[in-house]
């Protein structure tokens, strides 16, 4: 059907030109139509056009269409019989047609056919030399035109075929790339580790299913109604937008297994370890960063269960054994024991002591397996980092924060857990100190050689009854509840647990209307050295 439309288009353009010429002849030289060959030429064009429009060219061989330009050439030959008109230039149409769609033999044959019509029907006035010159001029001109158009048509077809082949190659390459992309996406989505790619401008380029599930995003990256929120600690303070994992990665910060707490859309706390990896730049100079987020909640839960087991063993076995051995020792001191009783008490005492040593050995091995190796930690750096984190909150409350004492105070411990201690204590001080109040943090070495950190505020303070329950889970003072101060009542229990894990101690003193003082003391040696 495409070839049929092309034939129609060529013929209609030629017919339009003939009709325009006929109109001009009618207007300026109507006597020309007295020549029957001119009328026959115009009539042949009309008939050829009607036949062209009626023939189903797509059902005929391709060469059948050559009849049309040859009939047009014959029609133009009829019009050359008029001595005062020069319509031979219209042969350009059939020659260009033949040169555009058919081979060179057809072009040369068409020119020969045109030469024959010129000899048979053209006006023969003039000398034989003039007639020959007109014939040769026509043949050379049309030949040059036909060859030029033919070469151009061949080049055009070759270029079109080349472009088509390249287009097919590009399409195949695109299909392969798309298939590879789908495979990579499927592999990445199958990973349990959350992955997200972010630009320096903060745009998310790609994410996997684990990240979407973890942070509550749909397939297109938009946040769902129950979007997750990152916190600086479990039940701590929500991170501002500029300090979230993605914001820090976009800003170029290098993170390595950094702990972040996430409150997800299902209402569950998740412990995450976030790492970043710089990648190649994209357009407009933007850098891109791969953010790797590993959910370590299950590992922490296992560690918590291990610590709970240790506590159960310590409380339920070691303490009763101590009581048994103690009472046996009391009985052994009596002088009124009958017969074999002293010997039997000795057996009980020795068995209890062996059991006590066994429990201590098990506790020591389990504790060492559960704990991560401690490292030197500068408490001054931990305090300053926690203070910088809470500086916006304290400034917003119009409170003052001062840090004094030792410029460096190094102990052996876990910097992350110690940071939790300072975060909880500074958070409490900021919450329970009124606007305009002051919070002071001091670092010093006690007379016993222990590292000592004190956090003092001039806040609301606590009653002796409240102070006795300060480490109880979920305990909150009535004044705090009435005042609508947010909190869960778990912070001080967590602080005591962490301090105890570092073989340290915590002391809290408080007075209503005066304020609260928290004193932390840590051994100058590592817990392992203390145990040995």
Protein backbone atom coordinates (compact mmCIF):
# COMPACT_ATOMS: atom_id res chain seq x y z
CA UNK A 1 0.00 0.00 0.00
CA UNK A 2 2.94 2.30 0.64
CA UNK A 3 4.15 1.88 -2.96
CA UNK A 4 0.65 2.64 -4.26
CA UNK A 5 0.49 5.90 -2.32
CA UNK A 6 3.95 6.89 -3.59
CA UNK A 7 2.85 6.34 -7.23
CA UNK A 8 -0.28 8.39 -6.65
CA UNK A 9 1.74 11.20 -5.12
CA UNK A 10 4.19 11.41 -8.02
CA UNK A 11 1.46 11.30 -10.65
CA UNK A 12 -0.73 13.89 -8.93
CA UNK A 13 2.20 16.31 -8.64
CA UNK A 14 2.89 15.93 -12.37
CA UNK A 15 -0.79 16.27 -13.25
CA UNK A 16 -1.07 19.39 -11.13
CA UNK A 17 1.81 20.96 -13.04
CA UNK A 18 0.18 20.10 -16.42
CA UNK A 19 -3.18 21.50 -15.29
CA UNK A 20 -1.49 24.75 -14.20
CA UNK A 21 0.25 25.04 -17.59
CA UNK A 22 -3.01 24.34 -19.44
CA UNK A 23 -4.72 27.07 -17.44
CA UNK A 24 -1.96 29.55 -18.34
CA UNK A 25 -2.10 28.57 -22.03
CA UNK A 26 -5.88 29.04 -21.99
CA UNK A 27 -5.42 32.49 -20.52
CA UNK A 28 -2.60 33.75 -22.71
CA UNK A 29 -2.46 31.63 -25.89
CA UNK A 30 -5.72 29.74 -26.39
CA UNK A 31 -4.94 29.26 -30.10
CA UNK A 32 -2.38 26.64 -29.03
CA UNK A 33 -5.22 24.17 -28.51
CA UNK A 34 -5.79 24.22 -32.26
CA UNK A 35 -2.86 21.77 -32.38
CA UNK A 36 -4.38 18.28 -31.92
CA UNK A 37 -1.15 16.83 -30.45
CA UNK A 38 -1.15 19.37 -27.63
CA UNK A 39 -4.75 18.46 -26.81
CA UNK A 40 -3.83 14.76 -27.08
CA UNK A 41 -0.91 15.26 -24.66
CA UNK A 42 -3.10 16.96 -22.05
CA UNK A 43 -5.78 14.35 -22.48
CA UNK A 44 -3.24 11.52 -22.12
CA UNK A 45 -2.08 12.97 -18.81
CA UNK A 46 -5.65 13.06 -17.48
CA UNK A 47 -6.38 9.51 -18.61
CA UNK A 48 -3.07 8.23 -17.20
CA UNK A 49 -3.83 9.87 -13.86
CA UNK A 50 -7.30 8.31 -13.65
CA UNK A 51 -5.91 4.88 -14.53
CA UNK A 52 -3.09 5.33 -11.99
CA UNK A 53 -5.60 6.04 -9.24
CA UNK A 54 -7.69 3.01 -10.19
CA UNK A 55 -4.95 0.36 -10.53
CA UNK A 56 -4.07 -1.69 -7.38
CA UNK A 57 -0.30 -1.27 -7.71
CA UNK A 58 0.50 -3.31 -4.57
CA UNK A 59 -0.80 -6.40 -6.34
CA UNK A 60 1.35 -5.90 -9.47
CA UNK A 61 5.11 -6.37 -9.97
CA UNK A 62 7.23 -3.39 -9.00
CA UNK A 63 8.37 -2.74 -12.59
CA UNK A 64 4.75 -2.37 -13.75
CA UNK A 65 4.79 1.17 -12.37
CA UNK A 66 7.32 2.22 -15.07
CA UNK A 67 4.38 2.45 -17.50
CA UNK A 68 3.17 5.63 -15.78
CA UNK A 69 6.33 7.81 -16.20
CA UNK A 70 6.72 6.52 -19.79
CA UNK A 71 3.13 7.56 -20.61
CA UNK A 72 3.84 10.94 -19.01
CA UNK A 73 6.96 11.25 -21.18
CA UNK A 74 4.83 10.45 -24.26
CA UNK A 75 2.29 13.11 -23.24
CA UNK A 76 5.06 15.70 -22.90
CA UNK A 77 6.36 14.63 -26.35
CA UNK A 78 2.93 15.42 -27.83
CA UNK A 79 3.04 18.97 -26.41
CA UNK A 80 6.46 19.67 -27.97
CA UNK A 81 4.71 19.85 -31.37
CA UNK A 82 3.64 23.41 -30.55
CA UNK A 83 6.37 25.57 -32.20
CA UNK A 84 5.93 28.56 -29.92
CA UNK A 85 6.01 26.63 -26.58
CA UNK A 86 8.94 24.98 -24.84
CA UNK A 87 7.29 22.29 -22.66
CA UNK A 88 10.11 19.77 -23.02
CA UNK A 89 11.37 20.73 -19.52
CA UNK A 90 8.45 18.69 -18.17
CA UNK A 91 10.42 15.55 -19.06
CA UNK A 92 12.26 16.20 -15.81
CA UNK A 93 9.32 14.64 -13.92
CA UNK A 94 9.39 11.15 -15.52
CA UNK A 95 13.22 11.07 -15.57
CA UNK A 96 13.48 11.90 -11.85
CA UNK A 97 10.71 9.38 -11.12
CA UNK A 98 12.56 6.60 -12.96
CA UNK A 99 15.90 7.55 -11.39
CA UNK A 100 14.45 7.61 -7.86
CA UNK A 101 12.76 4.20 -7.83
CA UNK A 102 14.26 2.09 -10.62
CA UNK A 103 17.66 0.96 -11.85
CA UNK A 104 19.95 2.77 -14.26
CA UNK A 105 18.87 0.72 -17.34
CA UNK A 106 15.32 1.99 -16.82
CA UNK A 107 16.64 5.57 -16.60
CA UNK A 108 18.61 5.19 -19.84
CA UNK A 109 15.65 3.49 -21.50
CA UNK A 110 13.39 6.34 -20.43
CA UNK A 111 15.80 8.91 -21.89
CA UNK A 112 15.93 6.94 -25.17
CA UNK A 113 12.10 6.82 -25.24
CA UNK A 114 11.98 10.59 -24.66
CA UNK A 115 14.50 11.15 -27.49
CA UNK A 116 12.30 9.09 -29.80
CA UNK A 117 9.18 11.16 -28.94
CA UNK A 118 11.20 14.31 -29.53
CA UNK A 119 12.17 13.09 -33.00
CA UNK A 120 8.63 11.92 -33.82
CA UNK A 121 6.44 14.70 -32.41
CA UNK A 122 8.52 17.84 -31.82
CA UNK A 123 8.46 20.78 -34.16
CA UNK A 124 11.10 20.12 -36.83
CA UNK A 125 11.62 23.71 -37.92
CA UNK A 126 15.21 24.72 -38.46
CA UNK A 127 18.25 23.14 -40.07
CA UNK A 128 19.21 19.52 -39.41
CA UNK A 129 22.12 20.79 -37.35
CA UNK A 130 19.72 22.74 -35.09
CA UNK A 131 17.48 19.69 -34.67
CA UNK A 132 20.47 17.47 -33.84
CA UNK A 133 21.80 20.03 -31.38
CA UNK A 134 18.42 20.19 -29.59
CA UNK A 135 18.29 16.41 -29.43
CA UNK A 136 21.83 16.01 -28.06
CA UNK A 137 21.34 18.83 -25.58
CA UNK A 138 18.17 17.17 -24.29
CA UNK A 139 19.81 13.72 -24.06
CA UNK A 140 22.89 15.04 -22.21
CA UNK A 141 20.84 17.20 -19.82
CA UNK A 142 18.36 14.47 -18.98
CA UNK A 143 21.15 11.90 -18.76
CA UNK A 144 23.11 14.03 -16.32
CA UNK A 145 19.97 14.65 -14.30
CA UNK A 146 19.02 10.98 -14.27
CA UNK A 147 22.51 9.79 -13.29
CA UNK A 148 22.77 12.42 -10.54
CA UNK A 149 19.36 11.58 -9.12
CA UNK A 150 20.04 7.86 -9.37
CA UNK A 151 23.36 8.14 -7.51
CA UNK A 152 21.68 10.30 -4.87
CA UNK A 153 18.84 7.81 -4.54
CA UNK A 154 21.30 4.93 -4.15
CA UNK A 155 23.23 6.80 -1.49
CA UNK A 156 20.01 7.70 0.25
CA UNK A 157 18.88 4.08 0.26
CA UNK A 158 22.30 2.92 1.46
CA UNK A 159 22.25 5.48 4.24
CA UNK A 160 18.70 4.50 5.14
CA UNK A 161 19.66 0.80 5.26
CA UNK A 162 22.72 1.65 7.37
CA UNK A 163 20.61 3.71 9.75
CA UNK A 164 18.07 0.92 9.91
CA UNK A 165 20.76 -1.65 10.74
CA UNK A 166 22.24 0.64 13.37
CA UNK A 167 18.80 1.29 14.74
CA UNK A 168 18.22 -2.45 14.99
CA UNK A 169 21.60 -2.88 16.70
CA UNK A 170 20.77 -0.08 19.13
CA UNK A 171 17.38 -1.62 19.80
CA UNK A 172 18.93 -5.02 20.45
CA UNK A 173 21.55 -3.45 22.72
CA UNK A 174 18.81 -1.56 24.55
CA UNK A 175 16.80 -4.78 24.95
CA UNK A 176 19.88 -6.57 26.32
CA UNK A 177 20.61 -3.67 28.66
CA UNK A 178 17.00 -3.63 29.82
CA UNK A 179 17.09 -7.39 30.41
CA UNK A 180 20.34 -7.06 32.37
CA UNK A 181 18.83 -4.19 34.36
CA UNK A 182 15.82 -6.33 35.21
CA UNK A 183 18.08 -9.18 36.32
CA UNK A 184 20.21 -6.84 38.44
CA UNK A 185 17.08 -5.32 39.95
CA UNK A 186 15.71 -8.76 40.78
CA UNK A 187 19.00 -9.77 42.40
CA UNK A 188 19.21 -6.52 44.40
CA UNK A 189 15.57 -6.78 45.45
CA UNK A 190 16.20 -10.31 46.70
CA UNK A 191 18.85 -9.08 49.13
CA UNK A 192 17.87 -8.71 52.78
CA UNK A 193 20.21 -5.72 53.12
CA UNK A 194 18.56 -2.39 52.30
CA UNK A 195 20.25 -0.49 49.45
CA UNK A 196 19.55 3.04 48.22
CA UNK A 197 21.43 5.32 45.81
CA UNK A 198 21.25 9.05 46.56
CA UNK A 199 22.72 12.07 44.74
CA UNK A 200 24.51 15.01 46.33
CA UNK A 201 21.32 16.97 45.73
CA UNK A 202 19.33 14.56 47.89
CA UNK A 203 17.50 12.79 45.03
CA UNK A 204 16.95 9.05 45.37
CA UNK A 205 17.98 7.37 42.12
CA UNK A 206 17.29 3.76 43.04
CA UNK A 207 16.29 1.59 45.98
CA UNK A 208 15.59 -2.08 46.57
CA UNK A 209 12.57 -3.80 48.13
CA UNK A 210 14.29 -4.18 51.50
CA UNK A 211 14.69 -0.40 51.76
CA UNK A 212 11.10 0.21 50.66
CA UNK A 213 9.83 -2.20 53.30
CA UNK A 214 12.08 -0.81 56.02
CA UNK A 215 11.35 2.87 55.42
CA UNK A 216 7.74 2.58 54.22
CA UNK A 217 8.06 3.65 50.57
CA UNK A 218 6.11 2.56 47.51
CA UNK A 219 7.50 1.27 44.20
CA UNK A 220 8.01 4.86 42.97
CA UNK A 221 9.86 6.03 46.09
CA UNK A 222 7.08 8.13 47.61
CA UNK A 223 6.67 7.87 51.37
CA UNK A 224 3.65 5.89 52.54
CA UNK A 225 1.33 7.35 55.21
CA UNK A 226 3.11 5.36 57.96
CA UNK A 227 6.65 6.46 57.08
CA UNK A 228 9.52 5.38 59.34
CA UNK A 229 11.43 7.84 61.55
CA UNK A 230 15.10 7.63 62.54
CA UNK A 231 16.17 8.25 66.17
CA UNK A 232 19.53 8.80 67.81
CA UNK A 233 18.77 5.95 70.21
CA UNK A 234 16.05 3.53 71.12
CA UNK A 235 13.18 5.69 72.36
CA UNK A 236 15.58 8.63 72.06
CA UNK A 237 15.24 11.85 70.07
CA UNK A 238 14.07 11.90 66.47
CA UNK A 239 16.84 12.94 64.11
CA UNK A 240 16.28 16.25 62.26
CA UNK A 241 15.99 16.00 58.44
CA UNK A 242 19.57 17.26 58.03
CA UNK A 243 20.98 14.38 60.14
CA UNK A 244 19.15 11.39 58.71
CA UNK A 245 21.16 8.65 57.04
CA UNK A 246 20.24 9.78 53.52
CA UNK A 247 20.93 13.45 54.26
CA UNK A 248 24.36 12.66 55.67
CA UNK A 249 25.16 10.40 52.69
CA UNK A 250 24.04 13.14 50.27
CA UNK A 251 26.27 15.61 52.13
CA UNK A 252 29.28 13.37 51.48
CA UNK A 253 29.77 11.94 54.99
CA UNK A 254 31.52 8.59 55.07
CA UNK A 255 29.65 6.21 57.37
CA UNK A 256 30.90 2.80 58.43
CA UNK A 257 28.54 0.49 60.33
CA UNK A 258 27.07 3.48 62.18
CA UNK A 259 24.20 2.60 64.50
CA UNK A 260 20.82 4.20 63.84
CA UNK A 261 17.51 3.39 65.52
CA UNK A 262 14.42 3.31 63.32
CA UNK A 263 10.80 3.40 64.41
CA UNK A 264 9.15 1.77 61.39
CA UNK A 265 5.65 2.06 60.01
CA UNK A 266 4.47 -1.03 61.92
CA UNK A 267 5.39 0.50 65.26
CA UNK A 268 8.53 -1.62 65.79
CA UNK A 269 11.98 -0.45 66.83
CA UNK A 270 14.78 -1.57 64.53
CA UNK A 271 18.51 -1.27 65.08
CA UNK A 272 20.34 -0.44 61.84
CA UNK A 273 23.98 -0.30 60.82
CA UNK A 274 24.51 2.26 58.06
CA UNK A 275 27.50 2.38 55.71
CA UNK A 276 28.14 4.52 52.62
CA UNK A 277 30.15 3.99 49.44
CA UNK A 278 30.93 6.74 46.91
CA UNK A 279 30.10 5.94 43.29
CA UNK A 280 30.68 7.54 39.87
CA UNK A 281 29.26 10.99 39.21
CA UNK A 282 26.14 11.59 37.11
CA UNK A 283 25.15 14.51 34.91
CA UNK A 284 25.66 18.15 35.91
CA UNK A 285 28.49 17.20 38.25
CA UNK A 286 26.33 15.53 40.90
CA UNK A 287 28.05 12.88 43.01
CA UNK A 288 26.14 9.72 43.91
CA UNK A 289 26.49 7.56 46.99
CA UNK A 290 25.41 4.00 47.73
CA UNK A 291 23.90 3.65 51.20
CA UNK A 292 23.99 0.12 52.68
CA UNK A 293 21.63 -0.42 55.63
CA UNK A 294 21.79 -3.67 57.58
CA UNK A 295 19.04 -4.55 60.06
CA UNK A 296 20.84 -5.92 63.14
CA UNK A 297 17.80 -5.98 65.43
CA UNK A 298 17.81 -9.78 65.64
CA UNK A 299 21.49 -9.81 66.63
CA UNK A 300 20.88 -7.29 69.38
CA UNK A 301 17.90 -9.29 70.60
CA UNK A 302 20.08 -12.41 70.80
CA UNK A 303 22.68 -10.41 72.72
CA UNK A 304 19.96 -9.13 75.05
CA UNK A 305 18.73 -12.68 75.64
CA UNK A 306 22.29 -13.69 76.47
CA UNK A 307 22.62 -10.89 78.99
CA UNK A 308 19.25 -11.90 80.48
CA UNK A 309 20.48 -15.46 80.79
CA UNK A 310 23.61 -14.23 82.54
CA UNK A 311 21.49 -12.24 84.95
CA UNK A 312 19.29 -15.26 85.67
CA UNK A 313 22.29 -17.49 86.29
CA UNK A 314 23.89 -14.86 88.48
CA UNK A 315 20.78 -14.23 90.54
CA UNK A 316 19.14 -17.65 90.63
CA UNK A 317 22.23 -19.80 91.09
CA UNK A 318 25.12 -17.82 92.49
CA UNK A 319 23.15 -15.96 95.15
CA UNK A 320 21.41 -19.08 96.56
CA UNK A 321 24.75 -20.90 96.57
CA UNK A 322 26.26 -18.04 98.53
CA UNK A 323 23.42 -18.31 101.06
CA UNK A 324 23.87 -22.10 101.37
CA UNK A 325 27.60 -21.83 101.87
CA UNK A 326 27.16 -19.00 104.35
CA UNK A 327 24.69 -20.91 106.49
CA UNK A 328 26.79 -24.06 106.33
CA UNK A 329 29.74 -22.02 107.63
CA UNK A 330 27.57 -20.79 110.49
CA UNK A 331 26.57 -24.34 111.37
CA UNK A 332 30.17 -25.50 111.27
CA UNK A 333 31.07 -22.94 113.92
CA UNK A 334 28.71 -24.54 116.46
CA UNK A 335 30.13 -26.77 119.14
CA UNK A 336 27.02 -28.85 119.80
CA UNK A 337 26.92 -30.73 116.49
CA UNK A 338 26.32 -34.44 117.01
CA UNK A 339 28.32 -37.34 115.55
CA UNK A 340 28.99 -37.22 111.84
CA UNK A 341 27.23 -33.88 111.21
CA UNK A 342 30.46 -31.79 111.05
CA UNK A 343 31.88 -34.12 108.41
CA UNK A 344 28.64 -33.97 106.44
CA UNK A 345 28.63 -30.16 106.65
CA UNK A 346 32.18 -30.14 105.31
CA UNK A 347 31.04 -32.21 102.33
CA UNK A 348 28.14 -29.80 101.70
CA UNK A 349 30.45 -26.76 101.98
CA UNK A 350 33.02 -28.21 99.56
CA UNK A 351 30.30 -29.18 97.04
CA UNK A 352 28.79 -25.68 97.25
CA UNK A 353 32.15 -24.04 96.73
CA UNK A 354 32.83 -26.23 93.68
CA UNK A 355 29.40 -25.34 92.29
CA UNK A 356 30.05 -21.66 92.95
CA UNK A 357 33.39 -21.84 91.09
CA UNK A 358 31.69 -23.62 88.18
CA UNK A 359 28.97 -20.95 87.94
CA UNK A 360 31.59 -18.18 88.06
CA UNK A 361 33.57 -19.91 85.29
CA UNK A 362 30.47 -20.26 83.09
CA UNK A 363 29.53 -16.62 83.70
CA UNK A 364 33.03 -15.45 82.82
CA UNK A 365 33.14 -17.42 79.56
CA UNK A 366 29.62 -16.37 78.51
CA UNK A 367 30.26 -12.73 79.34
CA UNK A 368 33.46 -12.61 77.35
CA UNK A 369 31.83 -14.31 74.37
CA UNK A 370 28.88 -11.91 74.44
CA UNK A 371 30.81 -8.66 74.85
CA UNK A 372 32.48 -6.85 72.02
CA UNK A 373 36.14 -6.07 72.75
CA UNK A 374 36.52 -2.82 74.67
CA UNK A 375 38.75 -0.05 73.35
CA UNK A 376 40.22 3.17 74.76
CA UNK A 377 37.49 5.83 74.92
CA UNK A 378 38.00 9.50 75.75
CA UNK A 379 34.99 10.47 77.91
CA UNK A 380 35.64 14.13 77.08
CA UNK A 381 35.03 13.42 73.39
CA UNK A 382 31.88 11.44 74.21
CA UNK A 383 30.54 14.28 76.38
CA UNK A 384 31.26 16.92 73.74
CA UNK A 385 29.62 14.83 70.99
CA UNK A 386 26.49 14.31 73.09
CA UNK A 387 26.43 18.01 74.01
CA UNK A 388 26.69 19.01 70.34
CA UNK A 389 23.77 16.69 69.55
CA UNK A 390 21.55 18.24 72.23
CA UNK A 391 22.73 21.82 71.70
CA UNK A 392 19.69 22.76 69.52
CA UNK A 393 17.29 21.37 72.15
CA UNK A 394 19.05 23.15 75.01
CA UNK A 395 19.28 26.38 73.05
CA UNK A 396 15.61 26.11 72.12
CA UNK A 397 14.75 25.77 75.84
CA UNK A 398 16.85 28.90 76.54
CA UNK A 399 19.08 26.85 78.82
CA UNK A 400 22.84 27.02 79.27
CA UNK A 401 25.22 24.07 79.02
CA UNK A 402 28.75 24.09 80.38
CA UNK A 403 31.50 21.48 80.13
CA UNK A 404 34.47 21.65 82.47
CA UNK A 405 37.17 19.64 84.13
CA UNK A 406 39.75 17.36 82.56
CA UNK A 407 40.60 17.99 78.91
CA UNK A 408 40.98 14.23 78.42
CA UNK A 409 39.66 11.34 80.47
CA UNK A 410 40.38 7.95 78.89
CA UNK A 411 38.83 4.65 80.00
CA UNK A 412 38.34 1.26 78.39
CA UNK A 413 34.82 0.73 77.05
CA UNK A 414 32.28 0.79 74.25
CA UNK A 415 32.00 4.33 72.80
CA UNK A 416 28.53 3.69 71.38
CA UNK A 417 27.08 2.47 74.69
CA UNK A 418 28.77 5.27 76.63
CA UNK A 419 27.27 7.76 74.21
CA UNK A 420 23.85 6.30 75.05
CA UNK A 421 24.53 7.02 78.72
CA UNK A 422 25.38 10.67 78.09
CA UNK A 423 22.49 11.09 75.64
CA UNK A 424 19.98 9.80 78.20
CA UNK A 425 21.35 11.92 81.04
CA UNK A 426 21.54 15.12 78.99
CA UNK A 427 18.04 14.47 77.63
CA UNK A 428 16.69 14.13 81.17
CA UNK A 429 18.52 17.25 82.33
CA UNK A 430 17.13 19.27 79.42
CA UNK A 431 13.57 17.97 79.92
CA UNK A 432 13.41 18.50 83.68
CA UNK A 433 15.15 21.90 83.77
CA UNK A 434 12.96 24.98 83.23
CA UNK A 435 13.71 27.71 80.67
CA UNK A 436 16.67 29.83 81.71
CA UNK A 437 18.16 26.98 83.73
CA UNK A 438 21.71 25.67 83.59
CA UNK A 439 23.28 22.25 83.03
CA UNK A 440 26.93 21.56 83.89
CA UNK A 441 29.00 18.52 82.96
CA UNK A 442 32.27 17.95 84.80
CA UNK A 443 35.08 15.45 84.21
CA UNK A 444 37.65 14.57 86.85
CA UNK A 445 39.64 11.74 88.41
CA UNK A 446 38.41 10.64 91.86
CA UNK A 447 40.75 10.02 94.79
CA UNK A 448 40.26 6.30 94.20
CA UNK A 449 41.71 6.70 90.69
CA UNK A 450 38.35 6.21 89.02
CA UNK A 451 37.24 8.37 86.10
CA UNK A 452 34.36 10.55 87.26
CA UNK A 453 31.68 12.34 85.21
CA UNK A 454 29.05 14.54 86.88
CA UNK A 455 25.91 16.00 85.31
CA UNK A 456 24.35 18.73 87.44
CA UNK A 457 21.17 20.70 86.68
CA UNK A 458 19.13 23.27 88.60
CA UNK A 459 15.82 21.77 87.49
CA UNK A 460 12.70 20.58 89.28
CA UNK A 461 14.42 17.89 91.36
CA UNK A 462 12.88 14.75 92.93
CA UNK A 463 11.47 13.72 96.26
CA UNK A 464 13.24 11.00 98.32
CA UNK A 465 10.42 8.57 97.36
CA UNK A 466 10.92 9.32 93.65
CA UNK A 467 14.68 9.03 94.01
CA UNK A 468 14.38 5.53 95.47
CA UNK A 469 12.48 4.37 92.38
CA UNK A 470 14.44 6.24 89.71
CA UNK A 471 15.93 3.04 88.21
CA UNK A 472 12.65 1.12 88.08
CA UNK A 473 11.43 0.33 84.53
CA UNK A 474 8.69 2.70 83.31
CA UNK A 475 8.79 4.78 86.50
CA UNK A 476 8.02 8.49 86.04
CA UNK A 477 7.41 11.09 88.71
CA UNK A 478 3.90 12.41 89.18
CA UNK A 479 5.06 15.96 88.58
CA UNK A 480 6.52 14.99 85.19
CA UNK A 481 3.30 13.23 84.19
CA UNK A 482 1.17 16.21 85.27
CA UNK A 483 3.44 18.62 83.40
CA UNK A 484 3.05 16.57 80.18
CA UNK A 485 6.82 15.98 79.83
CA UNK A 486 7.41 13.21 77.31
CA UNK A 487 9.28 10.06 78.28
CA UNK A 488 9.05 6.30 78.78
CA UNK A 489 10.71 5.81 82.17
CA UNK A 490 13.31 3.40 80.75
CA UNK A 491 16.28 5.73 80.31
CA UNK A 492 17.79 5.51 83.79
CA UNK A 493 17.52 1.71 83.81
CA UNK A 494 19.40 1.57 80.52
CA UNK A 495 22.03 3.94 81.89
CA UNK A 496 22.59 1.78 84.98
CA UNK A 497 22.84 -1.39 82.86
CA UNK A 498 25.48 0.14 80.58
CA UNK A 499 27.47 1.57 83.48
CA UNK A 500 27.37 -1.82 85.22
CA UNK A 501 28.62 -3.51 82.03
CA UNK A 502 31.64 -1.19 82.25
CA UNK A 503 32.21 -2.20 85.92
CA UNK A 504 31.27 1.35 86.90
CA UNK A 505 28.85 2.90 89.35
CA UNK A 506 26.14 5.55 89.20
CA UNK A 507 24.97 7.76 92.04
CA UNK A 508 21.93 10.07 91.86
CA UNK A 509 21.11 12.81 94.37
CA UNK A 510 18.25 15.27 94.03
CA UNK A 511 16.24 17.84 95.94
CA UNK A 512 12.92 19.42 95.04
CA UNK A 513 13.40 22.94 93.67
CA UNK A 514 17.18 22.67 93.78
CA UNK A 515 18.05 20.20 91.02
CA UNK A 516 19.62 16.83 90.36
CA UNK A 517 23.20 15.57 90.40
CA UNK A 518 24.24 12.34 88.63
CA UNK A 519 27.74 11.00 89.24
CA UNK A 520 29.28 8.28 87.06
CA UNK A 521 32.47 6.49 88.05
CA UNK A 522 34.43 4.10 85.85
CA UNK A 523 37.47 1.95 86.73
CA UNK A 524 40.81 3.16 85.37
CA UNK A 525 41.38 -0.32 83.94
CA UNK A 526 39.29 -2.39 81.53
CA UNK A 527 36.57 -4.71 82.93
CA UNK A 528 38.66 -7.69 81.83
CA UNK A 529 41.60 -6.47 83.89
CA UNK A 530 39.33 -5.88 86.86
CA UNK A 531 38.02 -9.45 86.62
CA UNK A 532 41.47 -10.96 86.51
